[in-house]
Amino acid sequence: MRISALAAEAGLPVATVKYYLREGLLQPGTVTSATQASYDAGHVRRLRLVRALTGPVGLSVQQARAVIELVDEPGDDLYAALGRAVGALPPAGADPVDAVDPFPRARAALEALGQVYDPEFAAVGQLERALVAAADAGLPISDERLARYGTAARDLADFDLERMPPDAHAAVEYTVLGTALYEPVLLALRRLAHQDAAVRRLGRES
């Protein structure tokens, strides 16, 4: 299909598709003439992915490019690829406190949960910043809440990884894109669960 048909299929303006091509978010089509190229279903899928990453997920073009590059060229180390993907996703991590104990609150929380503490993994800095922010606002995370949240998160992680494809490239795509695309779903479900619990516990005016 031509670029106009590609844009229509993906539900985007032609100018946006051309912009994604220039920024390297969309792979080039097959050249058919000096001024024309042909695109296929793979390009439609990529455009829909880019639209999801830069829309509901809220990534910048640069962040979306980093995630897509990982999907295209994941390398052989799934753990490293996931770490780079998390680093590309908001929120930003915290700066280390010091060289000896860079993320003390996150370290203590992960140790309490019996989980791996790897200060090089971007989410550790993200956890540190979140814990500091909660404490500074006067709502520190209690041990009970940490244990409950941690158990729920681990169950979700086990569920996701049990369904990871065996092929290495597909596994990276599943893990990286799942991290980017499913986290907004989790956030929305938690907020909706709060709404439902409030209705059940507090009642609702008619």
N, C-alpha and C. Protein backbone atom coordinates (compact mmCIF):
# COMPACT_ATOMS: atom_id res chain seq x y z
N MET A 1 0.84 -1.19 0.00
CA MET A 1 0.00 0.00 0.00
C MET A 1 0.88 1.25 0.00
N ARG A 2 0.33 2.35 -0.49
CA ARG A 2 1.06 3.61 -0.49
C ARG A 2 0.91 4.29 0.86
N ILE A 3 1.68 5.36 1.07
CA ILE A 3 1.73 5.97 2.40
C ILE A 3 0.37 6.55 2.81
N SER A 4 -0.41 7.03 1.84
CA SER A 4 -1.73 7.56 2.17
C SER A 4 -2.64 6.45 2.69
N ALA A 5 -2.57 5.28 2.06
CA ALA A 5 -3.37 4.15 2.53
C ALA A 5 -2.87 3.64 3.87
N LEU A 6 -1.55 3.66 4.08
CA LEU A 6 -0.97 3.25 5.36
C LEU A 6 -1.47 4.16 6.48
N ALA A 7 -1.45 5.47 6.22
CA ALA A 7 -1.90 6.42 7.23
C ALA A 7 -3.37 6.21 7.56
N ALA A 8 -4.19 5.98 6.52
CA ALA A 8 -5.62 5.75 6.74
C ALA A 8 -5.85 4.47 7.54
N GLU A 9 -5.11 3.43 7.22
CA GLU A 9 -5.26 2.15 7.92
C GLU A 9 -4.89 2.28 9.39
N ALA A 10 -3.86 3.09 9.69
CA ALA A 10 -3.41 3.26 11.06
C ALA A 10 -4.16 4.35 11.80
N GLY A 11 -5.00 5.10 11.09
CA GLY A 11 -5.76 6.16 11.72
C GLY A 11 -4.93 7.37 12.08
N LEU A 12 -3.94 7.68 11.24
CA LEU A 12 -3.03 8.81 11.50
C LEU A 12 -2.96 9.71 10.28
N PRO A 13 -2.65 11.00 10.48
CA PRO A 13 -2.41 11.88 9.33
C PRO A 13 -1.15 11.45 8.59
N VAL A 14 -1.10 11.72 7.29
CA VAL A 14 0.08 11.38 6.50
C VAL A 14 1.30 12.11 7.04
N ALA A 15 1.12 13.36 7.48
CA ALA A 15 2.25 14.12 8.01
C ALA A 15 2.84 13.45 9.24
N THR A 16 2.01 12.84 10.06
CA THR A 16 2.51 12.15 11.26
C THR A 16 3.29 10.90 10.86
N VAL A 17 2.81 10.17 9.88
CA VAL A 17 3.51 8.98 9.40
C VAL A 17 4.88 9.38 8.85
N LYS A 18 4.94 10.45 8.09
CA LYS A 18 6.22 10.92 7.55
C LYS A 18 7.17 11.34 8.68
N TYR A 19 6.62 11.96 9.70
CA TYR A 19 7.43 12.35 10.86
C TYR A 19 8.02 11.12 11.54
N TYR A 20 7.21 10.08 11.74
CA TYR A 20 7.69 8.85 12.36
C TYR A 20 8.77 8.19 11.50
N LEU A 21 8.63 8.29 10.19
CA LEU A 21 9.66 7.77 9.29
C LEU A 21 10.97 8.54 9.49
N ARG A 22 10.89 9.85 9.54
CA ARG A 22 12.09 10.68 9.71
C ARG A 22 12.77 10.41 11.05
N GLU A 23 11.97 10.16 12.09
CA GLU A 23 12.50 9.96 13.43
C GLU A 23 12.95 8.53 13.69
N GLY A 24 12.76 7.65 12.70
CA GLY A 24 13.20 6.27 12.85
C GLY A 24 12.27 5.40 13.67
N LEU A 25 11.05 5.87 13.94
CA LEU A 25 10.08 5.07 14.68
C LEU A 25 9.38 4.06 13.77
N LEU A 26 9.35 4.34 12.50
CA LEU A 26 8.74 3.46 11.50
C LEU A 26 9.79 3.05 10.49
N GLN A 27 9.87 1.75 10.24
CA GLN A 27 10.85 1.26 9.28
C GLN A 27 10.47 1.70 7.86
N PRO A 28 11.46 1.98 7.00
CA PRO A 28 11.15 2.41 5.63
C PRO A 28 10.39 1.35 4.87
N GLY A 29 9.61 1.81 3.89
CA GLY A 29 8.91 0.88 3.01
C GLY A 29 9.82 0.39 1.89
N THR A 30 9.26 -0.45 1.04
CA THR A 30 9.99 -0.95 -0.12
C THR A 30 9.90 0.07 -1.25
N VAL A 31 11.04 0.55 -1.69
CA VAL A 31 11.08 1.59 -2.72
C VAL A 31 10.54 1.03 -4.03
N THR A 32 9.57 1.74 -4.62
CA THR A 32 8.98 1.31 -5.90
C THR A 32 9.29 2.27 -7.03
N SER A 33 9.70 3.50 -6.66
CA SER A 33 10.10 4.47 -7.67
C SER A 33 10.92 5.54 -6.96
N ALA A 34 11.30 6.55 -7.71
CA ALA A 34 12.13 7.61 -7.12
C ALA A 34 11.39 8.37 -6.02
N THR A 35 10.07 8.39 -6.07
CA THR A 35 9.30 9.18 -5.09
C THR A 35 8.25 8.36 -4.35
N GLN A 36 8.24 7.04 -4.55
CA GLN A 36 7.20 6.21 -3.96
C GLN A 36 7.80 5.02 -3.22
N ALA A 37 7.09 4.56 -2.20
CA ALA A 37 7.45 3.34 -1.49
C ALA A 37 6.18 2.59 -1.15
N SER A 38 6.33 1.29 -0.94
CA SER A 38 5.19 0.44 -0.63
C SER A 38 5.29 -0.04 0.82
N TYR A 39 4.14 -0.11 1.49
CA TYR A 39 4.09 -0.50 2.89
C TYR A 39 3.14 -1.68 3.06
N ASP A 40 3.31 -2.41 4.17
CA ASP A 40 2.50 -3.61 4.38
C ASP A 40 1.92 -3.64 5.79
N ALA A 41 1.36 -4.79 6.15
CA ALA A 41 0.70 -4.94 7.45
C ALA A 41 1.67 -4.74 8.61
N GLY A 42 2.95 -5.06 8.40
CA GLY A 42 3.94 -4.86 9.45
C GLY A 42 4.10 -3.38 9.79
N HIS A 43 3.99 -2.53 8.79
CA HIS A 43 4.08 -1.09 9.02
C HIS A 43 2.85 -0.58 9.77
N VAL A 44 1.69 -1.15 9.45
CA VAL A 44 0.47 -0.77 10.16
C VAL A 44 0.60 -1.13 11.64
N ARG A 45 1.10 -2.34 11.90
CA ARG A 45 1.25 -2.78 13.29
C ARG A 45 2.24 -1.87 14.03
N ARG A 46 3.34 -1.51 13.37
CA ARG A 46 4.33 -0.64 14.01
C ARG A 46 3.73 0.74 14.32
N LEU A 47 2.96 1.28 13.39
CA LEU A 47 2.35 2.59 13.62
C LEU A 47 1.38 2.55 14.80
N ARG A 48 0.62 1.48 14.90
CA ARG A 48 -0.31 1.36 16.02
C ARG A 48 0.44 1.23 17.34
N LEU A 49 1.59 0.56 17.30
CA LEU A 49 2.42 0.45 18.49
C LEU A 49 2.97 1.82 18.88
N VAL A 50 3.49 2.56 17.91
CA VAL A 50 4.02 3.89 18.19
C VAL A 50 2.93 4.79 18.74
N ARG A 51 1.75 4.71 18.15
CA ARG A 51 0.63 5.54 18.62
C ARG A 51 0.28 5.19 20.07
N ALA A 52 0.32 3.91 20.41
CA ALA A 52 0.03 3.50 21.78
C ALA A 52 1.10 4.00 22.75
N LEU A 53 2.37 3.88 22.35
CA LEU A 53 3.47 4.29 23.22
C LEU A 53 3.48 5.79 23.46
N THR A 54 3.20 6.56 22.41
CA THR A 54 3.25 8.02 22.54
C THR A 54 1.91 8.61 22.96
N GLY A 55 0.86 7.77 22.98
CA GLY A 55 -0.46 8.24 23.40
C GLY A 55 -0.79 7.80 24.82
N PRO A 56 -1.52 6.68 24.97
CA PRO A 56 -1.92 6.22 26.31
C PRO A 56 -0.76 5.98 27.27
N VAL A 57 0.35 5.44 26.77
CA VAL A 57 1.49 5.17 27.64
C VAL A 57 2.18 6.47 28.05
N GLY A 58 2.16 7.46 27.16
CA GLY A 58 2.69 8.78 27.51
C GLY A 58 4.18 8.95 27.28
N LEU A 59 4.78 8.15 26.40
CA LEU A 59 6.20 8.30 26.14
C LEU A 59 6.46 9.43 25.16
N SER A 60 7.61 10.05 25.31
CA SER A 60 8.05 11.00 24.30
C SER A 60 8.51 10.23 23.07
N VAL A 61 8.72 10.94 21.99
CA VAL A 61 9.22 10.29 20.77
C VAL A 61 10.56 9.62 21.05
N GLN A 62 11.42 10.27 21.82
CA GLN A 62 12.73 9.70 22.13
C GLN A 62 12.60 8.43 22.96
N GLN A 63 11.71 8.44 23.95
CA GLN A 63 11.50 7.26 24.78
C GLN A 63 10.91 6.12 23.96
N ALA A 64 9.94 6.44 23.11
CA ALA A 64 9.33 5.41 22.27
C ALA A 64 10.36 4.81 21.33
N ARG A 65 11.25 5.65 20.79
CA ARG A 65 12.30 5.14 19.91
C ARG A 65 13.21 4.17 20.66
N ALA A 66 13.55 4.49 21.90
CA ALA A 66 14.42 3.61 22.69
C ALA A 66 13.76 2.26 22.91
N VAL A 67 12.47 2.25 23.20
CA VAL A 67 11.75 0.99 23.41
C VAL A 67 11.70 0.19 22.12
N ILE A 68 11.39 0.85 21.02
CA ILE A 68 11.27 0.16 19.73
C ILE A 68 12.62 -0.39 19.28
N GLU A 69 13.68 0.35 19.53
CA GLU A 69 15.02 -0.14 19.18
C GLU A 69 15.34 -1.42 19.95
N LEU A 70 14.90 -1.50 21.19
CA LEU A 70 15.11 -2.72 21.98
C LEU A 70 14.34 -3.89 21.39
N VAL A 71 13.14 -3.62 20.92
CA VAL A 71 12.34 -4.68 20.30
C VAL A 71 13.00 -5.16 19.01
N ASP A 72 13.52 -4.21 18.23
CA ASP A 72 14.13 -4.57 16.95
C ASP A 72 15.49 -5.24 17.11
N GLU A 73 16.28 -4.76 18.08
CA GLU A 73 17.63 -5.29 18.30
C GLU A 73 17.80 -5.58 19.79
N PRO A 74 17.20 -6.65 20.28
CA PRO A 74 17.19 -6.88 21.73
C PRO A 74 18.49 -7.40 22.31
N GLY A 75 19.34 -7.97 21.46
CA GLY A 75 20.54 -8.61 21.99
C GLY A 75 20.21 -9.96 22.61
N ASP A 76 21.18 -10.55 23.27
CA ASP A 76 21.01 -11.90 23.81
C ASP A 76 20.65 -11.91 25.30
N ASP A 77 20.69 -10.76 25.94
CA ASP A 77 20.49 -10.70 27.39
C ASP A 77 19.13 -10.09 27.69
N LEU A 78 18.14 -10.95 28.01
CA LEU A 78 16.79 -10.48 28.28
C LEU A 78 16.77 -9.56 29.49
N TYR A 79 17.52 -9.90 30.53
CA TYR A 79 17.55 -9.10 31.75
C TYR A 79 18.06 -7.68 31.45
N ALA A 80 19.13 -7.60 30.67
CA ALA A 80 19.68 -6.28 30.32
C ALA A 80 18.71 -5.49 29.46
N ALA A 81 18.04 -6.17 28.53
CA ALA A 81 17.09 -5.48 27.66
C ALA A 81 15.92 -4.94 28.47
N LEU A 82 15.43 -5.73 29.43
CA LEU A 82 14.35 -5.26 30.27
C LEU A 82 14.79 -4.05 31.09
N GLY A 83 16.01 -4.09 31.62
CA GLY A 83 16.52 -2.96 32.38
C GLY A 83 16.59 -1.70 31.56
N ARG A 84 17.03 -1.82 30.30
CA ARG A 84 17.10 -0.64 29.43
C ARG A 84 15.70 -0.13 29.11
N ALA A 85 14.75 -1.05 28.95
CA ALA A 85 13.37 -0.64 28.68
C ALA A 85 12.78 0.11 29.86
N VAL A 86 12.98 -0.41 31.06
CA VAL A 86 12.48 0.27 32.25
C VAL A 86 13.10 1.65 32.38
N GLY A 87 14.38 1.75 32.04
CA GLY A 87 15.06 3.04 32.09
C GLY A 87 14.48 4.05 31.12
N ALA A 88 13.88 3.56 30.03
CA ALA A 88 13.30 4.46 29.03
C ALA A 88 11.90 4.90 29.40
N LEU A 89 11.28 4.23 30.38
CA LEU A 89 9.90 4.52 30.73
C LEU A 89 9.83 5.52 31.88
N PRO A 90 8.78 6.35 31.89
CA PRO A 90 8.57 7.21 33.05
C PRO A 90 8.04 6.38 34.22
N PRO A 91 8.24 6.82 35.47
CA PRO A 91 8.91 8.06 35.87
C PRO A 91 10.42 7.89 35.86
N ALA A 92 11.14 8.99 35.92
CA ALA A 92 12.59 8.93 35.98
C ALA A 92 13.03 8.38 37.32
N GLY A 93 14.20 7.78 37.34
CA GLY A 93 14.74 7.26 38.59
C GLY A 93 15.35 8.36 39.43
N ALA A 94 15.75 8.00 40.64
CA ALA A 94 16.38 8.96 41.54
C ALA A 94 17.88 8.93 41.37
N ASP A 95 18.53 10.04 41.66
CA ASP A 95 19.99 10.06 41.68
C ASP A 95 20.47 9.32 42.92
N PRO A 96 21.57 8.58 42.82
CA PRO A 96 22.09 7.86 43.99
C PRO A 96 22.38 8.80 45.15
N VAL A 97 22.09 8.31 46.37
CA VAL A 97 22.36 9.11 47.57
C VAL A 97 23.86 9.19 47.81
N ASP A 98 24.54 8.05 47.77
CA ASP A 98 26.00 8.02 47.86
C ASP A 98 26.49 6.72 47.23
N ALA A 99 27.79 6.62 47.07
CA ALA A 99 28.36 5.47 46.37
C ALA A 99 28.21 4.18 47.16
N VAL A 100 28.23 4.27 48.48
CA VAL A 100 28.18 3.07 49.32
C VAL A 100 26.77 2.51 49.39
N ASP A 101 25.79 3.37 49.61
CA ASP A 101 24.39 2.95 49.74
C ASP A 101 23.54 3.88 48.89
N PRO A 102 23.51 3.66 47.56
CA PRO A 102 22.91 4.65 46.66
C PRO A 102 21.41 4.84 46.84
N PHE A 103 20.66 3.77 47.16
CA PHE A 103 19.21 3.86 47.27
C PHE A 103 18.76 3.17 48.56
N PRO A 104 18.96 3.80 49.69
CA PRO A 104 18.75 3.12 50.98
C PRO A 104 17.31 2.69 51.22
N ARG A 105 16.33 3.51 50.89
CA ARG A 105 14.94 3.14 51.13
C ARG A 105 14.52 1.98 50.23
N ALA A 106 14.91 2.05 48.96
CA ALA A 106 14.57 0.98 48.03
C ALA A 106 15.26 -0.32 48.44
N ARG A 107 16.51 -0.22 48.85
CA ARG A 107 17.23 -1.43 49.30
C ARG A 107 16.52 -2.06 50.49
N ALA A 108 16.15 -1.25 51.49
CA ALA A 108 15.48 -1.79 52.66
C ALA A 108 14.13 -2.42 52.29
N ALA A 109 13.40 -1.79 51.39
CA ALA A 109 12.10 -2.32 50.99
C ALA A 109 12.26 -3.66 50.27
N LEU A 110 13.21 -3.73 49.34
CA LEU A 110 13.40 -4.97 48.59
C LEU A 110 13.93 -6.09 49.48
N GLU A 111 14.79 -5.74 50.40
CA GLU A 111 15.28 -6.76 51.34
C GLU A 111 14.14 -7.27 52.20
N ALA A 112 13.23 -6.39 52.62
CA ALA A 112 12.08 -6.81 53.42
C ALA A 112 11.17 -7.75 52.62
N LEU A 113 11.11 -7.52 51.31
CA LEU A 113 10.28 -8.37 50.44
C LEU A 113 11.01 -9.64 50.00
N GLY A 114 12.30 -9.73 50.31
CA GLY A 114 13.08 -10.89 49.87
C GLY A 114 13.36 -10.90 48.39
N GLN A 115 13.46 -9.69 47.80
CA GLN A 115 13.69 -9.59 46.36
C GLN A 115 15.11 -9.13 46.06
N VAL A 116 15.49 -9.32 44.80
CA VAL A 116 16.81 -8.91 44.32
C VAL A 116 16.96 -7.40 44.43
N TYR A 117 18.12 -6.95 44.93
CA TYR A 117 18.44 -5.53 44.95
C TYR A 117 19.60 -5.29 44.00
N ASP A 118 19.34 -4.65 42.88
CA ASP A 118 20.35 -4.34 41.88
C ASP A 118 20.29 -2.84 41.60
N PRO A 119 21.17 -2.04 42.21
CA PRO A 119 21.09 -0.58 42.06
C PRO A 119 21.27 -0.11 40.62
N GLU A 120 21.76 -0.97 39.74
CA GLU A 120 21.90 -0.59 38.34
C GLU A 120 20.58 -0.69 37.59
N PHE A 121 19.62 -1.40 38.15
CA PHE A 121 18.32 -1.57 37.49
C PHE A 121 17.50 -0.31 37.71
N ALA A 122 17.00 0.30 36.62
CA ALA A 122 16.39 1.63 36.70
C ALA A 122 15.23 1.71 37.67
N ALA A 123 14.45 0.64 37.80
CA ALA A 123 13.28 0.69 38.66
C ALA A 123 13.65 0.86 40.13
N VAL A 124 14.88 0.51 40.52
CA VAL A 124 15.30 0.71 41.90
C VAL A 124 15.33 2.21 42.22
N GLY A 125 15.89 3.00 41.33
CA GLY A 125 15.89 4.44 41.52
C GLY A 125 14.48 5.02 41.49
N GLN A 126 13.61 4.44 40.66
CA GLN A 126 12.22 4.88 40.61
C GLN A 126 11.52 4.58 41.93
N LEU A 127 11.78 3.40 42.49
CA LEU A 127 11.19 3.06 43.79
C LEU A 127 11.71 3.99 44.88
N GLU A 128 13.01 4.28 44.86
CA GLU A 128 13.58 5.18 45.85
C GLU A 128 12.88 6.54 45.82
N ARG A 129 12.72 7.10 44.64
CA ARG A 129 12.08 8.41 44.52
C ARG A 129 10.64 8.35 45.02
N ALA A 130 9.92 7.28 44.69
CA ALA A 130 8.53 7.16 45.12
C ALA A 130 8.42 7.03 46.64
N LEU A 131 9.31 6.25 47.25
CA LEU A 131 9.28 6.08 48.70
C LEU A 131 9.62 7.40 49.41
N VAL A 132 10.59 8.12 48.88
CA VAL A 132 10.96 9.42 49.46
C VAL A 132 9.79 10.40 49.34
N ALA A 133 9.15 10.42 48.18
CA ALA A 133 8.04 11.35 47.96
C ALA A 133 6.89 11.06 48.92
N ALA A 134 6.58 9.76 49.12
CA ALA A 134 5.50 9.40 50.04
C ALA A 134 5.84 9.82 51.47
N ALA A 135 7.08 9.57 51.88
CA ALA A 135 7.49 9.94 53.23
C ALA A 135 7.47 11.45 53.42
N ASP A 136 7.96 12.18 52.43
CA ASP A 136 8.00 13.64 52.53
C ASP A 136 6.60 14.24 52.60
N ALA A 137 5.63 13.57 52.00
CA ALA A 137 4.25 14.06 52.01
C ALA A 137 3.50 13.67 53.28
N GLY A 138 4.18 12.95 54.18
CA GLY A 138 3.55 12.55 55.43
C GLY A 138 2.77 11.26 55.34
N LEU A 139 2.94 10.50 54.24
CA LEU A 139 2.26 9.23 54.07
C LEU A 139 3.28 8.14 53.74
N PRO A 140 4.20 7.86 54.65
CA PRO A 140 5.21 6.83 54.36
C PRO A 140 4.57 5.47 54.17
N ILE A 141 5.22 4.64 53.38
CA ILE A 141 4.72 3.28 53.12
C ILE A 141 4.96 2.43 54.36
N SER A 142 3.90 1.93 54.97
CA SER A 142 4.05 1.08 56.14
C SER A 142 4.55 -0.30 55.74
N ASP A 143 5.07 -1.04 56.72
CA ASP A 143 5.53 -2.41 56.45
C ASP A 143 4.39 -3.27 55.94
N GLU A 144 3.20 -3.09 56.51
CA GLU A 144 2.04 -3.88 56.08
C GLU A 144 1.68 -3.58 54.64
N ARG A 145 1.66 -2.30 54.28
CA ARG A 145 1.33 -1.93 52.90
C ARG A 145 2.39 -2.41 51.92
N LEU A 146 3.65 -2.26 52.32
CA LEU A 146 4.73 -2.73 51.46
C LEU A 146 4.61 -4.23 51.19
N ALA A 147 4.33 -5.00 52.23
CA ALA A 147 4.20 -6.45 52.07
C ALA A 147 3.02 -6.79 51.16
N ARG A 148 1.90 -6.08 51.33
CA ARG A 148 0.71 -6.36 50.51
C ARG A 148 0.95 -5.98 49.06
N TYR A 149 1.52 -4.78 48.84
CA TYR A 149 1.81 -4.35 47.48
C TYR A 149 2.85 -5.26 46.83
N GLY A 150 3.88 -5.60 47.60
CA GLY A 150 4.94 -6.44 47.05
C GLY A 150 4.45 -7.82 46.66
N THR A 151 3.58 -8.42 47.48
CA THR A 151 3.03 -9.73 47.16
C THR A 151 2.20 -9.68 45.89
N ALA A 152 1.36 -8.65 45.77
CA ALA A 152 0.53 -8.50 44.57
C ALA A 152 1.40 -8.31 43.33
N ALA A 153 2.45 -7.49 43.44
CA ALA A 153 3.33 -7.24 42.30
C ALA A 153 4.07 -8.50 41.89
N ARG A 154 4.51 -9.28 42.87
CA ARG A 154 5.23 -10.52 42.54
C ARG A 154 4.30 -11.52 41.86
N ASP A 155 3.07 -11.60 42.33
CA ASP A 155 2.10 -12.50 41.67
C ASP A 155 1.89 -12.10 40.23
N LEU A 156 1.79 -10.80 39.98
CA LEU A 156 1.62 -10.32 38.60
C LEU A 156 2.85 -10.65 37.76
N ALA A 157 4.04 -10.47 38.33
CA ALA A 157 5.27 -10.76 37.60
C ALA A 157 5.36 -12.24 37.25
N ASP A 158 5.01 -13.10 38.20
CA ASP A 158 5.03 -14.54 37.94
C ASP A 158 4.05 -14.90 36.84
N PHE A 159 2.86 -14.31 36.90
CA PHE A 159 1.84 -14.56 35.87
C PHE A 159 2.37 -14.17 34.49
N ASP A 160 2.99 -12.98 34.41
CA ASP A 160 3.50 -12.51 33.12
C ASP A 160 4.62 -13.39 32.59
N LEU A 161 5.60 -13.72 33.44
CA LEU A 161 6.77 -14.47 32.97
C LEU A 161 6.44 -15.92 32.65
N GLU A 162 5.44 -16.47 33.29
CA GLU A 162 5.02 -17.83 32.94
C GLU A 162 4.47 -17.90 31.53
N ARG A 163 4.07 -16.78 30.98
CA ARG A 163 3.48 -16.73 29.64
C ARG A 163 4.45 -16.14 28.61
N MET A 164 5.69 -15.98 28.98
CA MET A 164 6.69 -15.43 28.08
C MET A 164 7.01 -16.43 26.97
N PRO A 165 7.05 -16.00 25.72
CA PRO A 165 7.36 -16.91 24.62
C PRO A 165 8.77 -17.49 24.77
N PRO A 166 8.99 -18.71 24.28
CA PRO A 166 10.31 -19.34 24.40
C PRO A 166 11.36 -18.72 23.48
N ASP A 167 10.94 -18.22 22.33
CA ASP A 167 11.89 -17.61 21.40
C ASP A 167 12.48 -16.34 22.01
N ALA A 168 13.80 -16.18 21.90
CA ALA A 168 14.49 -15.08 22.57
C ALA A 168 13.99 -13.72 22.11
N HIS A 169 13.88 -13.52 20.79
CA HIS A 169 13.44 -12.23 20.28
C HIS A 169 12.01 -11.95 20.69
N ALA A 170 11.14 -12.95 20.57
CA ALA A 170 9.74 -12.78 20.97
C ALA A 170 9.63 -12.53 22.47
N ALA A 171 10.52 -13.15 23.25
CA ALA A 171 10.50 -12.95 24.70
C ALA A 171 10.83 -11.51 25.07
N VAL A 172 11.82 -10.93 24.39
CA VAL A 172 12.18 -9.54 24.64
C VAL A 172 11.03 -8.61 24.25
N GLU A 173 10.46 -8.85 23.09
CA GLU A 173 9.33 -8.02 22.64
C GLU A 173 8.18 -8.11 23.64
N TYR A 174 7.86 -9.33 24.08
CA TYR A 174 6.77 -9.54 25.03
C TYR A 174 7.05 -8.82 26.34
N THR A 175 8.27 -8.93 26.83
CA THR A 175 8.62 -8.35 28.13
C THR A 175 8.70 -6.82 28.05
N VAL A 176 9.39 -6.32 27.04
CA VAL A 176 9.57 -4.88 26.91
C VAL A 176 8.24 -4.18 26.64
N LEU A 177 7.50 -4.68 25.65
CA LEU A 177 6.23 -4.03 25.32
C LEU A 177 5.19 -4.27 26.40
N GLY A 178 5.24 -5.44 27.03
CA GLY A 178 4.32 -5.69 28.14
C GLY A 178 4.54 -4.72 29.28
N THR A 179 5.81 -4.43 29.57
CA THR A 179 6.12 -3.46 30.61
C THR A 179 5.56 -2.09 30.25
N ALA A 180 5.76 -1.67 29.01
CA ALA A 180 5.32 -0.34 28.59
C ALA A 180 3.80 -0.23 28.47
N LEU A 181 3.17 -1.26 27.91
CA LEU A 181 1.75 -1.16 27.56
C LEU A 181 0.81 -1.60 28.67
N TYR A 182 1.27 -2.49 29.55
CA TYR A 182 0.37 -3.01 30.58
C TYR A 182 0.39 -2.19 31.87
N GLU A 183 1.47 -1.44 32.13
CA GLU A 183 1.51 -0.66 33.36
C GLU A 183 0.37 0.37 33.44
N PRO A 184 0.00 1.07 32.36
CA PRO A 184 -1.17 1.96 32.46
C PRO A 184 -2.46 1.21 32.77
N VAL A 185 -2.56 -0.04 32.32
CA VAL A 185 -3.74 -0.85 32.64
C VAL A 185 -3.79 -1.13 34.14
N LEU A 186 -2.63 -1.48 34.71
CA LEU A 186 -2.58 -1.74 36.15
C LEU A 186 -2.96 -0.50 36.95
N LEU A 187 -2.46 0.65 36.55
CA LEU A 187 -2.78 1.89 37.25
C LEU A 187 -4.28 2.17 37.19
N ALA A 188 -4.86 2.03 35.99
CA ALA A 188 -6.29 2.30 35.85
C ALA A 188 -7.12 1.30 36.65
N LEU A 189 -6.73 0.02 36.65
CA LEU A 189 -7.47 -0.99 37.41
C LEU A 189 -7.41 -0.71 38.90
N ARG A 190 -6.24 -0.27 39.39
CA ARG A 190 -6.14 0.06 40.82
C ARG A 190 -7.06 1.21 41.18
N ARG A 191 -7.11 2.24 40.36
CA ARG A 191 -7.98 3.37 40.64
C ARG A 191 -9.45 2.97 40.58
N LEU A 192 -9.80 2.12 39.63
CA LEU A 192 -11.18 1.65 39.52
C LEU A 192 -11.55 0.74 40.68
N ALA A 193 -10.59 -0.04 41.16
CA ALA A 193 -10.83 -0.88 42.33
C ALA A 193 -11.08 -0.01 43.57
N HIS A 194 -10.34 1.10 43.67
CA HIS A 194 -10.59 2.03 44.77
C HIS A 194 -12.00 2.61 44.68
N GLN A 195 -12.42 2.95 43.47
CA GLN A 195 -13.77 3.47 43.29
C GLN A 195 -14.80 2.44 43.72
N ASP A 196 -14.61 1.21 43.28
CA ASP A 196 -15.55 0.14 43.60
C ASP A 196 -15.59 -0.12 45.11
N ALA A 197 -14.41 -0.15 45.73
CA ALA A 197 -14.35 -0.38 47.17
C ALA A 197 -15.02 0.76 47.93
N ALA A 198 -14.85 1.99 47.44
CA ALA A 198 -15.48 3.13 48.11
C ALA A 198 -17.00 3.04 48.02
N VAL A 199 -17.49 2.64 46.85
CA VAL A 199 -18.94 2.49 46.69
C VAL A 199 -19.48 1.42 47.64
N ARG A 200 -18.77 0.30 47.71
CA ARG A 200 -19.23 -0.81 48.56
C ARG A 200 -19.13 -0.48 50.04
N ARG A 201 -18.06 0.21 50.44
CA ARG A 201 -17.83 0.48 51.85
C ARG A 201 -18.52 1.75 52.36
N LEU A 202 -18.56 2.77 51.52
CA LEU A 202 -19.03 4.07 51.96
C LEU A 202 -20.43 4.38 51.45
N GLY A 203 -20.91 3.61 50.50
CA GLY A 203 -22.19 3.92 49.90
C GLY A 203 -22.04 5.03 48.88
N ARG A 204 -23.10 5.28 48.17
CA ARG A 204 -23.06 6.30 47.11
C ARG A 204 -24.38 6.99 47.04
N GLU A 205 -24.34 8.32 46.97
CA GLU A 205 -25.59 9.07 46.89
C GLU A 205 -26.24 8.83 45.55
N SER A 206 -27.54 8.68 45.55
CA SER A 206 -28.27 8.45 44.30
C SER A 206 -28.55 9.79 43.61
